[in-house]
Amino acid sequence: MAGRHTKKSGGGKAGLIILIIAAVLIIAAVIVGVFFFTRTKNGETTSQPTAPSSAAAFADNTAAPTTVPSETAASSAAEAPSTVPEETGVPIETRVADVVVPTEEGEEVSFFNGTYIPNGYVEDRYSGGQTTLREVFGSGYTEGAITFNSDGTFSDTLDASGETYGAYVVQDGRIIATTASDRNLDITVSEWDGSTPMSFSVDYGDYIVYFG
């Protein structure tokens, strides 16, 4: 009796061990299944196709959508200044068309071409002393000159206040010049080469500037 009872008790322990092993295997199978399932889901998430770019989307259509400008943009475009440059000057022939140069009746008039720069001698008409071009005209004097044209026009860029322009004639050994503002220049020619002056002076009010 004692032997049969002991054998039966041993069989119960073996069954319990088998149940524990089976439970462990089931739990392991569940864990492995969850692991692979999670990896599969993650792989599907990362490998999802990206949305096509706007360029590709437009390629599938027959025409790209038209963008309607906002009222603000339209207003800004209407108020934007024109980029076409304005006319910066009028040809000197037009500007001096109405300039009247006083001449002597019956005396022949002539014209010449020439550009003259100051020779550096400047006289104070009141004291009779000598001064400098920089003192009279500032640093801009270095680019100043008087130009006479054969069409009867002239320009004077020596004055720092801006270009003086007008009309002139050569008559009776004198240069008679009148600006567009109807001011007569006092020009004294000291040497001629035929009908072309070689040296002369111009009265600028307080100072007399020599050329040539």
Protein backbone atom coordinates (compact mmCIF):
# COMPACT_ATOMS: atom_id res chain seq x y z
CA MET A 1 0.00 0.00 0.00
CA ALA A 2 2.81 2.36 0.91
CA GLY A 3 4.57 1.77 -2.44
CA ARG A 4 1.55 2.46 -4.64
CA HIS A 5 0.74 5.64 -2.74
CA THR A 6 4.25 7.00 -3.22
CA LYS A 7 4.19 6.31 -6.99
CA LYS A 8 0.90 8.09 -7.43
CA SER A 9 2.17 11.16 -5.59
CA GLY A 10 5.19 11.34 -7.98
CA GLY A 11 2.97 11.35 -11.05
CA GLY A 12 1.11 14.44 -9.80
CA LYS A 13 4.32 16.41 -9.50
CA ALA A 14 5.30 15.57 -13.06
CA GLY A 15 1.98 16.84 -14.37
CA LEU A 16 2.42 20.13 -12.49
CA ILE A 17 5.84 20.63 -14.04
CA ILE A 18 4.43 19.98 -17.50
CA LEU A 19 1.72 22.59 -16.90
CA ILE A 20 4.29 25.18 -15.78
CA ILE A 21 6.47 24.52 -18.83
CA ALA A 22 3.44 24.79 -21.11
CA ALA A 23 2.44 28.08 -19.49
CA VAL A 24 5.98 29.44 -19.93
CA LEU A 25 5.99 28.44 -23.60
CA ILE A 26 2.62 30.08 -24.17
CA ILE A 27 3.78 33.31 -22.49
CA ALA A 28 6.98 33.25 -24.58
CA ALA A 29 4.97 32.71 -27.75
CA VAL A 30 2.72 35.64 -26.87
CA ILE A 31 5.74 37.90 -26.23
CA VAL A 32 7.39 36.89 -29.50
CA GLY A 33 4.14 37.43 -31.38
CA VAL A 34 3.70 40.93 -29.87
CA PHE A 35 7.32 41.77 -30.73
CA PHE A 36 6.98 40.80 -34.40
CA PHE A 37 3.58 42.45 -34.68
CA THR A 38 5.00 45.71 -33.31
CA ARG A 39 7.95 45.63 -35.73
CA THR A 40 5.63 44.99 -38.64
CA LYS A 41 3.43 47.97 -37.73
CA ASN A 42 6.46 50.23 -37.32
CA GLY A 43 7.81 49.11 -40.68
CA GLU A 44 4.51 49.92 -42.38
CA THR A 45 4.43 53.35 -40.71
CA THR A 46 7.94 54.37 -41.79
CA SER A 47 7.55 53.05 -45.32
CA GLN A 48 4.35 54.88 -46.12
CA PRO A 49 4.62 56.65 -49.50
CA THR A 50 5.14 60.40 -49.30
CA ALA A 51 2.60 62.75 -50.76
CA PRO A 52 3.53 63.93 -54.29
CA SER A 53 5.07 67.39 -54.53
CA SER A 54 3.07 70.29 -55.87
CA ALA A 55 5.04 70.12 -59.11
CA ALA A 56 4.08 66.46 -59.61
CA ALA A 57 0.48 67.24 -58.75
CA PHE A 58 0.42 70.01 -61.37
CA ALA A 59 1.96 67.63 -63.91
CA ASP A 60 -1.11 65.39 -63.67
CA ASN A 61 -3.42 68.33 -64.41
CA THR A 62 -3.93 70.00 -67.72
CA ALA A 63 -3.35 73.45 -66.22
CA ALA A 64 -2.02 74.82 -62.95
CA PRO A 65 -4.54 76.69 -60.79
CA THR A 66 -4.65 80.42 -61.33
CA THR A 67 -3.69 82.56 -58.33
CA VAL A 68 -5.97 85.52 -57.81
CA PRO A 69 -4.01 88.51 -56.41
CA SER A 70 -5.29 90.01 -53.22
CA GLU A 71 -6.65 93.52 -53.08
CA THR A 72 -3.57 94.66 -51.12
CA ALA A 73 -1.19 93.36 -53.80
CA ALA A 74 -3.23 94.97 -56.56
CA SER A 75 -3.25 98.26 -54.71
CA SER A 76 0.52 98.14 -54.17
CA ALA A 77 1.09 97.46 -57.85
CA ALA A 78 -1.09 100.40 -58.81
CA GLU A 79 0.76 102.73 -56.44
CA ALA A 80 4.27 101.57 -57.38
CA PRO A 81 6.27 104.31 -59.10
CA SER A 82 7.16 103.93 -62.73
CA THR A 83 10.69 102.64 -63.42
CA VAL A 84 10.98 104.65 -66.63
CA PRO A 85 13.49 107.44 -65.95
CA GLU A 86 12.31 110.94 -66.45
CA GLU A 87 14.00 113.13 -69.01
CA THR A 88 17.01 114.70 -67.30
CA GLY A 89 17.56 117.56 -69.70
CA VAL A 90 16.48 119.33 -72.85
CA PRO A 91 18.88 119.66 -75.80
CA ILE A 92 20.65 122.96 -75.60
CA GLU A 93 19.39 123.90 -79.08
CA THR A 94 15.84 123.85 -77.68
CA ARG A 95 16.73 125.66 -74.47
CA VAL A 96 18.37 128.59 -76.26
CA ALA A 97 15.86 128.86 -79.10
CA ASP A 98 14.34 131.99 -77.55
CA VAL A 99 17.63 133.62 -76.47
CA VAL A 100 18.16 136.94 -78.22
CA VAL A 101 21.81 137.98 -78.60
CA PRO A 102 22.24 141.75 -79.06
CA THR A 103 24.15 142.45 -82.26
CA GLU A 104 25.02 145.48 -84.36
CA GLU A 105 23.03 145.85 -87.55
CA GLY A 106 24.99 145.42 -90.71
CA GLU A 107 27.97 143.73 -89.03
CA GLU A 108 28.84 140.20 -90.10
CA VAL A 109 28.55 137.48 -87.43
CA SER A 110 30.44 134.20 -87.16
CA PHE A 111 30.80 131.21 -84.85
CA PHE A 112 33.53 128.76 -83.84
CA ASN A 113 34.14 125.52 -81.95
CA GLY A 114 36.29 125.44 -78.84
CA THR A 115 36.47 124.37 -75.19
CA TYR A 116 38.48 126.54 -72.80
CA ILE A 117 39.60 125.99 -69.23
CA PRO A 118 40.86 128.71 -66.85
CA ASN A 119 44.62 129.32 -66.94
CA GLY A 120 44.69 129.80 -63.16
CA TYR A 121 44.80 133.56 -63.04
CA VAL A 122 41.84 135.12 -61.20
CA GLU A 123 41.62 138.85 -60.48
CA ASP A 124 39.60 140.55 -57.76
CA ARG A 125 37.96 143.33 -59.74
CA TYR A 126 37.60 145.59 -56.69
CA SER A 127 41.05 145.26 -55.12
CA GLY A 128 42.95 144.40 -58.28
CA GLY A 129 44.69 141.59 -56.40
CA GLN A 130 45.00 137.98 -57.45
CA THR A 131 43.06 135.12 -55.89
CA THR A 132 42.53 131.44 -56.66
CA LEU A 133 39.91 129.48 -58.58
CA ARG A 134 39.25 127.36 -55.48
CA GLU A 135 38.55 130.49 -53.48
CA VAL A 136 36.00 131.68 -56.04
CA PHE A 137 34.37 128.45 -57.27
CA GLY A 138 35.24 125.82 -54.65
CA SER A 139 36.71 122.40 -55.42
CA GLY A 140 34.34 121.96 -58.40
CA TYR A 141 36.41 124.35 -60.49
CA THR A 142 38.67 121.50 -61.67
CA GLU A 143 35.89 120.19 -63.95
CA GLY A 144 34.74 123.58 -65.17
CA ALA A 145 35.12 124.87 -68.71
CA ILE A 146 33.48 127.11 -71.30
CA THR A 147 32.47 125.48 -74.59
CA PHE A 148 31.45 127.39 -77.70
CA ASN A 149 29.69 125.51 -80.53
CA SER A 150 29.50 126.35 -84.21
CA ASP A 151 25.68 126.39 -84.01
CA GLY A 152 25.77 129.57 -81.90
CA THR A 153 25.29 127.92 -78.50
CA PHE A 154 27.61 127.83 -75.50
CA SER A 155 27.79 126.24 -72.05
CA ASP A 156 29.71 127.27 -68.93
CA THR A 157 30.28 124.58 -66.29
CA LEU A 158 32.80 126.54 -64.26
CA ASP A 159 30.27 128.12 -61.92
CA ALA A 160 29.61 125.76 -58.97
CA SER A 161 25.95 126.82 -58.93
CA GLY A 162 25.34 124.78 -62.08
CA GLU A 163 25.65 124.89 -65.84
CA THR A 164 25.12 128.21 -67.55
CA TYR A 165 24.01 127.95 -71.15
CA GLY A 166 22.92 130.32 -73.84
CA ALA A 167 23.69 131.72 -77.28
CA TYR A 168 26.54 133.80 -78.66
CA VAL A 169 27.92 135.43 -81.81
CA VAL A 170 31.30 136.74 -82.85
CA GLN A 171 30.93 140.22 -84.24
CA ASP A 172 33.41 143.05 -84.78
CA GLY A 173 36.17 141.24 -82.89
CA ARG A 174 34.02 140.55 -79.85
CA ILE A 175 32.26 137.55 -78.33
CA ILE A 176 28.72 138.56 -77.45
CA ALA A 177 27.07 135.94 -75.25
CA THR A 178 23.67 135.87 -73.58
CA THR A 179 22.51 133.26 -71.08
CA ALA A 180 19.11 131.56 -71.12
CA SER A 181 18.18 133.78 -68.16
CA ASP A 182 18.80 136.83 -70.43
CA ARG A 183 22.06 137.87 -68.76
CA ASN A 184 24.82 139.20 -70.98
CA LEU A 185 28.31 137.88 -70.24
CA ASP A 186 31.17 140.35 -70.19
CA ILE A 187 33.85 138.63 -72.32
CA THR A 188 37.05 140.40 -73.32
CA VAL A 189 39.19 138.71 -75.99
CA SER A 190 42.91 139.47 -75.75
CA GLU A 191 44.17 137.29 -78.63
CA TRP A 192 42.61 135.91 -81.81
CA ASP A 193 43.60 133.29 -84.34
CA GLY A 194 41.54 134.34 -87.28
CA SER A 195 37.92 134.15 -86.05
CA THR A 196 38.80 131.88 -83.12
CA PRO A 197 39.81 133.34 -79.74
CA MET A 198 43.10 132.16 -78.25
CA SER A 199 42.80 133.87 -74.85
CA PHE A 200 40.08 135.88 -73.16
CA SER A 201 38.63 136.79 -69.78
CA VAL A 202 35.12 136.51 -68.34
CA ASP A 203 33.70 138.85 -65.72
CA TYR A 204 31.93 136.76 -63.04
CA GLY A 205 30.87 139.77 -60.97
CA ASP A 206 33.38 140.15 -58.16
CA TYR A 207 36.08 138.27 -60.02
CA ILE A 208 37.56 138.18 -63.51
CA VAL A 209 38.70 134.75 -64.69
CA TYR A 210 41.24 134.33 -67.51
CA PHE A 211 41.18 131.57 -70.13
CA GLY A 212 43.71 130.34 -72.67
